[in-house]
Amino acid sequence: MNDYISDLLARLHNGIIRQRESITVPNSKAIIAVLEVLKQEEMIADFEKVEDMIEVKPIYEEDGKPLVKHFTRVSKPGQRMYVSSKELTPVMNGRGINIISTSSGVMTGSMAKSKNLGGELICKVW
């Protein structure tokens, strides 16, 4: 497997649609960085490393609907997408987030815009 981020987003999407309590994903530094951003933005409850895998605990509302269910990969290994801070726009009128890899680490698009940083636009989540 070459694209760990796409695999992560597909596993999260499928697990959330199936209303799993925990979703198992492979372990890598890039995946941990993306999961930390999702946890910081309260789009997942928690994640923990179990041996060589990571268990992710998604958040569901009281009626059982998932808090987030759309994960869109933007920058792919075959075609990288780089944006400047001026090109960062809100996702779904502010209801979602951009995840961007900058020279200062992986962060949300709004944080990158406030720090006037651009970088590789990894994905959009809402």
N, C-alpha and C. Protein backbone atom coordinates (compact mmCIF):
# COMPACT_ATOMS: atom_id res chain seq x y z
N MET A 1 0.84 -1.16 0.00
CA MET A 1 0.00 0.00 0.00
C MET A 1 0.89 1.24 0.00
N ASN A 2 0.61 2.16 -0.90
CA ASN A 2 1.44 3.35 -1.03
C ASN A 2 0.80 4.59 -0.42
N ASP A 3 -0.52 4.68 -0.47
CA ASP A 3 -1.19 5.89 -0.02
C ASP A 3 -1.92 5.61 1.30
N TYR A 4 -1.21 5.87 2.41
CA TYR A 4 -1.76 5.59 3.73
C TYR A 4 -2.92 6.51 4.09
N ILE A 5 -2.87 7.74 3.64
CA ILE A 5 -3.92 8.70 3.98
C ILE A 5 -5.24 8.31 3.32
N SER A 6 -5.21 7.91 2.05
CA SER A 6 -6.43 7.47 1.37
C SER A 6 -7.01 6.24 2.05
N ASP A 7 -6.13 5.32 2.46
CA ASP A 7 -6.57 4.13 3.16
C ASP A 7 -7.22 4.51 4.49
N LEU A 8 -6.62 5.45 5.22
CA LEU A 8 -7.19 5.93 6.48
C LEU A 8 -8.58 6.51 6.26
N LEU A 9 -8.72 7.39 5.28
CA LEU A 9 -10.01 8.03 5.03
C LEU A 9 -11.08 7.03 4.61
N ALA A 10 -10.71 6.05 3.80
CA ALA A 10 -11.66 5.01 3.39
C ALA A 10 -12.09 4.15 4.58
N ARG A 11 -11.14 3.78 5.43
CA ARG A 11 -11.47 2.97 6.60
C ARG A 11 -12.36 3.75 7.57
N LEU A 12 -12.06 5.02 7.78
CA LEU A 12 -12.90 5.83 8.66
C LEU A 12 -14.32 5.97 8.10
N HIS A 13 -14.42 6.25 6.81
CA HIS A 13 -15.73 6.40 6.18
C HIS A 13 -16.53 5.11 6.29
N ASN A 14 -15.93 3.98 5.94
CA ASN A 14 -16.64 2.70 5.98
C ASN A 14 -17.02 2.31 7.40
N GLY A 15 -16.12 2.52 8.36
CA GLY A 15 -16.41 2.18 9.74
C GLY A 15 -17.50 3.04 10.34
N ILE A 16 -17.52 4.32 9.99
CA ILE A 16 -18.54 5.23 10.51
C ILE A 16 -19.90 4.91 9.89
N ILE A 17 -19.92 4.59 8.61
CA ILE A 17 -21.19 4.22 7.97
C ILE A 17 -21.76 2.96 8.60
N ARG A 18 -20.88 2.02 8.98
CA ARG A 18 -21.31 0.77 9.63
C ARG A 18 -21.50 0.93 11.13
N GLN A 19 -21.32 2.14 11.66
CA GLN A 19 -21.50 2.50 13.06
C GLN A 19 -20.66 1.63 14.00
N ARG A 20 -19.39 1.47 13.66
CA ARG A 20 -18.46 0.72 14.50
C ARG A 20 -18.08 1.56 15.72
N GLU A 21 -17.85 0.89 16.84
CA GLU A 21 -17.40 1.56 18.05
C GLU A 21 -15.93 1.95 17.95
N SER A 22 -15.13 1.10 17.28
CA SER A 22 -13.72 1.42 17.05
C SER A 22 -13.34 0.94 15.66
N ILE A 23 -12.44 1.68 15.04
CA ILE A 23 -11.99 1.39 13.68
C ILE A 23 -10.49 1.19 13.73
N THR A 24 -10.00 0.09 13.16
CA THR A 24 -8.58 -0.21 13.17
C THR A 24 -7.94 0.28 11.88
N VAL A 25 -6.85 1.05 12.01
CA VAL A 25 -6.12 1.57 10.87
C VAL A 25 -4.64 1.27 11.05
N PRO A 26 -3.86 1.20 9.96
CA PRO A 26 -2.42 0.97 10.10
C PRO A 26 -1.71 2.13 10.78
N ASN A 27 -0.54 1.87 11.30
CA ASN A 27 0.23 2.86 12.04
C ASN A 27 1.27 3.51 11.15
N SER A 28 1.29 4.83 11.10
CA SER A 28 2.36 5.59 10.45
C SER A 28 2.34 7.01 11.02
N LYS A 29 3.43 7.73 10.84
CA LYS A 29 3.53 9.09 11.37
C LYS A 29 2.51 10.01 10.70
N ALA A 30 2.29 9.84 9.40
CA ALA A 30 1.33 10.68 8.68
C ALA A 30 -0.09 10.46 9.19
N ILE A 31 -0.45 9.20 9.43
CA ILE A 31 -1.78 8.88 9.93
C ILE A 31 -1.98 9.46 11.33
N ILE A 32 -0.97 9.33 12.19
CA ILE A 32 -1.07 9.88 13.54
C ILE A 32 -1.23 11.39 13.50
N ALA A 33 -0.52 12.07 12.59
CA ALA A 33 -0.64 13.52 12.47
C ALA A 33 -2.06 13.93 12.06
N VAL A 34 -2.65 13.21 11.11
CA VAL A 34 -4.02 13.52 10.67
C VAL A 34 -5.01 13.23 11.79
N LEU A 35 -4.83 12.11 12.49
CA LEU A 35 -5.73 11.76 13.59
C LEU A 35 -5.65 12.77 14.73
N GLU A 36 -4.45 13.31 14.99
CA GLU A 36 -4.31 14.33 16.02
C GLU A 36 -5.10 15.59 15.67
N VAL A 37 -5.10 15.97 14.40
CA VAL A 37 -5.88 17.13 13.97
C VAL A 37 -7.37 16.85 14.13
N LEU A 38 -7.82 15.64 13.73
CA LEU A 38 -9.23 15.29 13.86
C LEU A 38 -9.66 15.26 15.32
N LYS A 39 -8.80 14.78 16.20
CA LYS A 39 -9.11 14.76 17.64
C LYS A 39 -9.15 16.17 18.20
N GLN A 40 -8.21 17.00 17.80
CA GLN A 40 -8.16 18.39 18.26
C GLN A 40 -9.41 19.15 17.85
N GLU A 41 -9.94 18.85 16.67
CA GLU A 41 -11.14 19.52 16.18
C GLU A 41 -12.42 18.81 16.62
N GLU A 42 -12.29 17.79 17.50
CA GLU A 42 -13.40 17.03 18.05
C GLU A 42 -14.26 16.37 16.99
N MET A 43 -13.61 15.80 15.98
CA MET A 43 -14.31 15.04 14.95
C MET A 43 -14.20 13.54 15.20
N ILE A 44 -13.25 13.14 16.05
CA ILE A 44 -13.17 11.78 16.56
C ILE A 44 -13.01 11.88 18.07
N ALA A 45 -13.45 10.84 18.79
CA ALA A 45 -13.36 10.87 20.24
C ALA A 45 -11.92 10.69 20.71
N ASP A 46 -11.25 9.66 20.19
CA ASP A 46 -9.90 9.35 20.65
C ASP A 46 -9.28 8.33 19.70
N PHE A 47 -7.98 8.15 19.83
CA PHE A 47 -7.29 7.07 19.13
C PHE A 47 -6.15 6.61 20.02
N GLU A 48 -5.81 5.33 19.89
CA GLU A 48 -4.71 4.78 20.68
C GLU A 48 -3.98 3.72 19.86
N LYS A 49 -2.69 3.64 20.11
CA LYS A 49 -1.84 2.68 19.41
C LYS A 49 -1.94 1.33 20.12
N VAL A 50 -2.29 0.29 19.36
CA VAL A 50 -2.38 -1.06 19.88
C VAL A 50 -1.47 -1.93 19.01
N GLU A 51 -0.32 -2.31 19.59
CA GLU A 51 0.72 -3.06 18.88
C GLU A 51 1.15 -2.30 17.63
N ASP A 52 0.91 -2.83 16.43
CA ASP A 52 1.33 -2.14 15.21
C ASP A 52 0.16 -1.50 14.47
N MET A 53 -0.99 -1.39 15.14
CA MET A 53 -2.18 -0.77 14.55
C MET A 53 -2.66 0.36 15.45
N ILE A 54 -3.60 1.15 14.95
CA ILE A 54 -4.20 2.24 15.72
C ILE A 54 -5.70 2.01 15.75
N GLU A 55 -6.30 2.12 16.94
CA GLU A 55 -7.75 2.03 17.09
C GLU A 55 -8.31 3.44 17.23
N VAL A 56 -9.25 3.77 16.34
CA VAL A 56 -9.87 5.09 16.33
C VAL A 56 -11.30 4.95 16.84
N LYS A 57 -11.71 5.83 17.73
CA LYS A 57 -13.06 5.83 18.27
C LYS A 57 -13.81 7.04 17.72
N PRO A 58 -14.76 6.81 16.81
CA PRO A 58 -15.51 7.93 16.23
C PRO A 58 -16.57 8.46 17.20
N ILE A 59 -17.12 9.61 16.88
CA ILE A 59 -18.16 10.24 17.70
C ILE A 59 -19.50 10.11 16.96
N TYR A 60 -20.51 9.66 17.70
CA TYR A 60 -21.87 9.58 17.18
C TYR A 60 -22.78 10.47 18.02
N GLU A 61 -23.81 11.02 17.39
CA GLU A 61 -24.78 11.84 18.11
C GLU A 61 -25.70 10.92 18.91
N GLU A 62 -26.60 11.51 19.70
CA GLU A 62 -27.49 10.72 20.55
C GLU A 62 -28.42 9.81 19.75
N ASP A 63 -28.81 10.24 18.56
CA ASP A 63 -29.71 9.42 17.74
C ASP A 63 -28.95 8.40 16.88
N GLY A 64 -27.64 8.31 17.05
CA GLY A 64 -26.85 7.31 16.34
C GLY A 64 -26.24 7.78 15.04
N LYS A 65 -26.53 9.01 14.64
CA LYS A 65 -25.94 9.55 13.41
C LYS A 65 -24.49 9.94 13.67
N PRO A 66 -23.62 9.72 12.70
CA PRO A 66 -22.22 10.11 12.89
C PRO A 66 -22.05 11.62 12.86
N LEU A 67 -21.08 12.10 13.63
CA LEU A 67 -20.79 13.53 13.66
C LEU A 67 -20.20 13.99 12.33
N VAL A 68 -19.28 13.21 11.79
CA VAL A 68 -18.71 13.47 10.46
C VAL A 68 -18.83 12.20 9.63
N LYS A 69 -19.07 12.35 8.33
CA LYS A 69 -19.16 11.17 7.48
C LYS A 69 -18.59 11.38 6.09
N HIS A 70 -18.08 12.56 5.80
CA HIS A 70 -17.51 12.82 4.49
C HIS A 70 -16.02 13.08 4.62
N PHE A 71 -15.23 12.27 3.95
CA PHE A 71 -13.78 12.40 3.93
C PHE A 71 -13.36 12.43 2.47
N THR A 72 -12.80 13.54 2.02
CA THR A 72 -12.41 13.69 0.62
C THR A 72 -10.91 13.92 0.54
N ARG A 73 -10.22 13.04 -0.19
CA ARG A 73 -8.77 13.18 -0.40
C ARG A 73 -8.57 14.19 -1.51
N VAL A 74 -7.73 15.18 -1.29
CA VAL A 74 -7.49 16.22 -2.29
C VAL A 74 -6.15 15.98 -2.98
N SER A 75 -5.06 15.99 -2.22
CA SER A 75 -3.73 15.77 -2.77
C SER A 75 -3.45 14.28 -2.82
N LYS A 76 -3.12 13.78 -3.99
CA LYS A 76 -2.89 12.35 -4.18
C LYS A 76 -1.43 12.13 -4.59
N PRO A 77 -0.92 10.92 -4.45
CA PRO A 77 0.48 10.68 -4.84
C PRO A 77 0.75 10.99 -6.31
N GLY A 78 -0.24 10.81 -7.16
CA GLY A 78 -0.06 11.08 -8.58
C GLY A 78 -0.18 12.54 -8.93
N GLN A 79 -0.87 13.31 -8.11
CA GLN A 79 -1.05 14.73 -8.37
C GLN A 79 -1.16 15.48 -7.04
N ARG A 80 -0.07 16.05 -6.61
CA ARG A 80 -0.04 16.80 -5.36
C ARG A 80 -0.71 18.14 -5.55
N MET A 81 -1.46 18.58 -4.54
CA MET A 81 -2.15 19.86 -4.59
C MET A 81 -1.59 20.77 -3.49
N TYR A 82 -0.95 21.84 -3.91
CA TYR A 82 -0.37 22.79 -2.98
C TYR A 82 -1.17 24.09 -3.04
N VAL A 83 -1.40 24.69 -1.89
CA VAL A 83 -2.17 25.92 -1.82
C VAL A 83 -1.42 26.94 -0.97
N SER A 84 -1.64 28.21 -1.27
CA SER A 84 -1.10 29.27 -0.43
C SER A 84 -2.14 29.61 0.63
N SER A 85 -1.78 30.42 1.58
CA SER A 85 -2.72 30.78 2.65
C SER A 85 -3.91 31.57 2.09
N LYS A 86 -3.69 32.29 1.01
CA LYS A 86 -4.77 33.07 0.40
C LYS A 86 -5.77 32.18 -0.32
N GLU A 87 -5.36 31.01 -0.75
CA GLU A 87 -6.24 30.10 -1.50
C GLU A 87 -7.06 29.18 -0.59
N LEU A 88 -6.81 29.19 0.71
CA LEU A 88 -7.56 28.34 1.64
C LEU A 88 -8.95 28.92 1.86
N THR A 89 -9.97 28.11 1.59
CA THR A 89 -11.35 28.54 1.76
C THR A 89 -12.04 27.61 2.76
N PRO A 90 -13.10 28.09 3.43
CA PRO A 90 -13.83 27.24 4.38
C PRO A 90 -14.50 26.06 3.67
N VAL A 91 -14.63 24.96 4.39
CA VAL A 91 -15.29 23.76 3.87
C VAL A 91 -16.73 23.76 4.37
N MET A 92 -17.68 23.64 3.48
CA MET A 92 -19.10 23.60 3.82
C MET A 92 -19.50 24.79 4.71
N ASN A 93 -19.09 25.97 4.32
CA ASN A 93 -19.40 27.21 5.05
C ASN A 93 -18.99 27.15 6.52
N GLY A 94 -17.84 26.53 6.77
CA GLY A 94 -17.31 26.48 8.12
C GLY A 94 -17.72 25.26 8.93
N ARG A 95 -18.54 24.37 8.36
CA ARG A 95 -18.96 23.18 9.10
C ARG A 95 -17.93 22.06 9.01
N GLY A 96 -16.98 22.17 8.09
CA GLY A 96 -15.94 21.16 7.93
C GLY A 96 -14.56 21.78 8.06
N ILE A 97 -13.55 20.95 7.84
CA ILE A 97 -12.17 21.45 7.95
C ILE A 97 -11.34 20.98 6.77
N ASN A 98 -10.32 21.76 6.44
CA ASN A 98 -9.24 21.35 5.56
C ASN A 98 -8.13 20.84 6.44
N ILE A 99 -7.45 19.79 6.02
CA ILE A 99 -6.24 19.36 6.72
C ILE A 99 -5.09 19.61 5.77
N ILE A 100 -4.11 20.39 6.24
CA ILE A 100 -3.02 20.83 5.38
C ILE A 100 -1.69 20.52 6.04
N SER A 101 -0.74 20.07 5.24
CA SER A 101 0.61 19.79 5.72
C SER A 101 1.48 20.99 5.39
N THR A 102 1.96 21.67 6.44
CA THR A 102 2.76 22.87 6.25
C THR A 102 4.19 22.61 6.73
N SER A 103 5.03 23.61 6.60
CA SER A 103 6.39 23.51 7.10
C SER A 103 6.43 23.46 8.63
N SER A 104 5.34 23.88 9.28
CA SER A 104 5.24 23.84 10.74
C SER A 104 4.45 22.63 11.24
N GLY A 105 4.15 21.68 10.38
CA GLY A 105 3.43 20.48 10.77
C GLY A 105 2.06 20.40 10.13
N VAL A 106 1.32 19.35 10.48
CA VAL A 106 -0.02 19.14 9.95
C VAL A 106 -1.00 19.91 10.82
N MET A 107 -1.90 20.69 10.18
CA MET A 107 -2.86 21.50 10.92
C MET A 107 -4.09 21.75 10.06
N THR A 108 -5.09 22.38 10.66
CA THR A 108 -6.29 22.71 9.91
C THR A 108 -6.02 23.90 8.99
N GLY A 109 -6.88 24.07 8.01
CA GLY A 109 -6.73 25.18 7.08
C GLY A 109 -6.88 26.52 7.76
N SER A 110 -7.76 26.62 8.75
CA SER A 110 -7.96 27.90 9.44
C SER A 110 -6.73 28.28 10.27
N MET A 111 -6.08 27.28 10.90
CA MET A 111 -4.86 27.57 11.64
C MET A 111 -3.75 28.01 10.70
N ALA A 112 -3.63 27.33 9.55
CA ALA A 112 -2.60 27.67 8.57
C ALA A 112 -2.84 29.08 8.02
N LYS A 113 -4.11 29.41 7.79
CA LYS A 113 -4.43 30.74 7.27
C LYS A 113 -4.10 31.82 8.30
N SER A 114 -4.36 31.55 9.58
CA SER A 114 -4.06 32.54 10.62
C SER A 114 -2.56 32.73 10.80
N LYS A 115 -1.79 31.66 10.55
CA LYS A 115 -0.33 31.76 10.65
C LYS A 115 0.32 32.16 9.33
N ASN A 116 -0.53 32.41 8.30
CA ASN A 116 -0.07 32.81 6.97
C ASN A 116 0.85 31.76 6.35
N LEU A 117 0.45 30.48 6.46
CA LEU A 117 1.22 29.36 5.92
C LEU A 117 0.43 28.67 4.81
N GLY A 118 1.13 28.20 3.82
CA GLY A 118 0.55 27.37 2.78
C GLY A 118 1.17 26.00 2.87
N GLY A 119 0.75 25.11 2.00
CA GLY A 119 1.32 23.77 2.00
C GLY A 119 0.50 22.82 1.17
N GLU A 120 0.67 21.53 1.44
CA GLU A 120 -0.04 20.49 0.70
C GLU A 120 -1.40 20.26 1.33
N LEU A 121 -2.46 20.43 0.55
CA LEU A 121 -3.82 20.23 1.01
C LEU A 121 -4.11 18.74 1.00
N ILE A 122 -4.12 18.12 2.18
CA ILE A 122 -4.24 16.67 2.28
C ILE A 122 -5.68 16.23 2.02
N CYS A 123 -6.62 16.73 2.80
CA CYS A 123 -8.01 16.28 2.65
C CYS A 123 -8.98 17.31 3.22
N LYS A 124 -10.27 17.05 2.94
CA LYS A 124 -11.36 17.85 3.48
C LYS A 124 -12.28 16.91 4.24
N VAL A 125 -12.71 17.34 5.42
CA VAL A 125 -13.56 16.51 6.28
C VAL A 125 -14.77 17.33 6.70
N TRP A 126 -15.98 16.75 6.56
CA TRP A 126 -17.18 17.40 7.06
C TRP A 126 -18.24 16.38 7.40
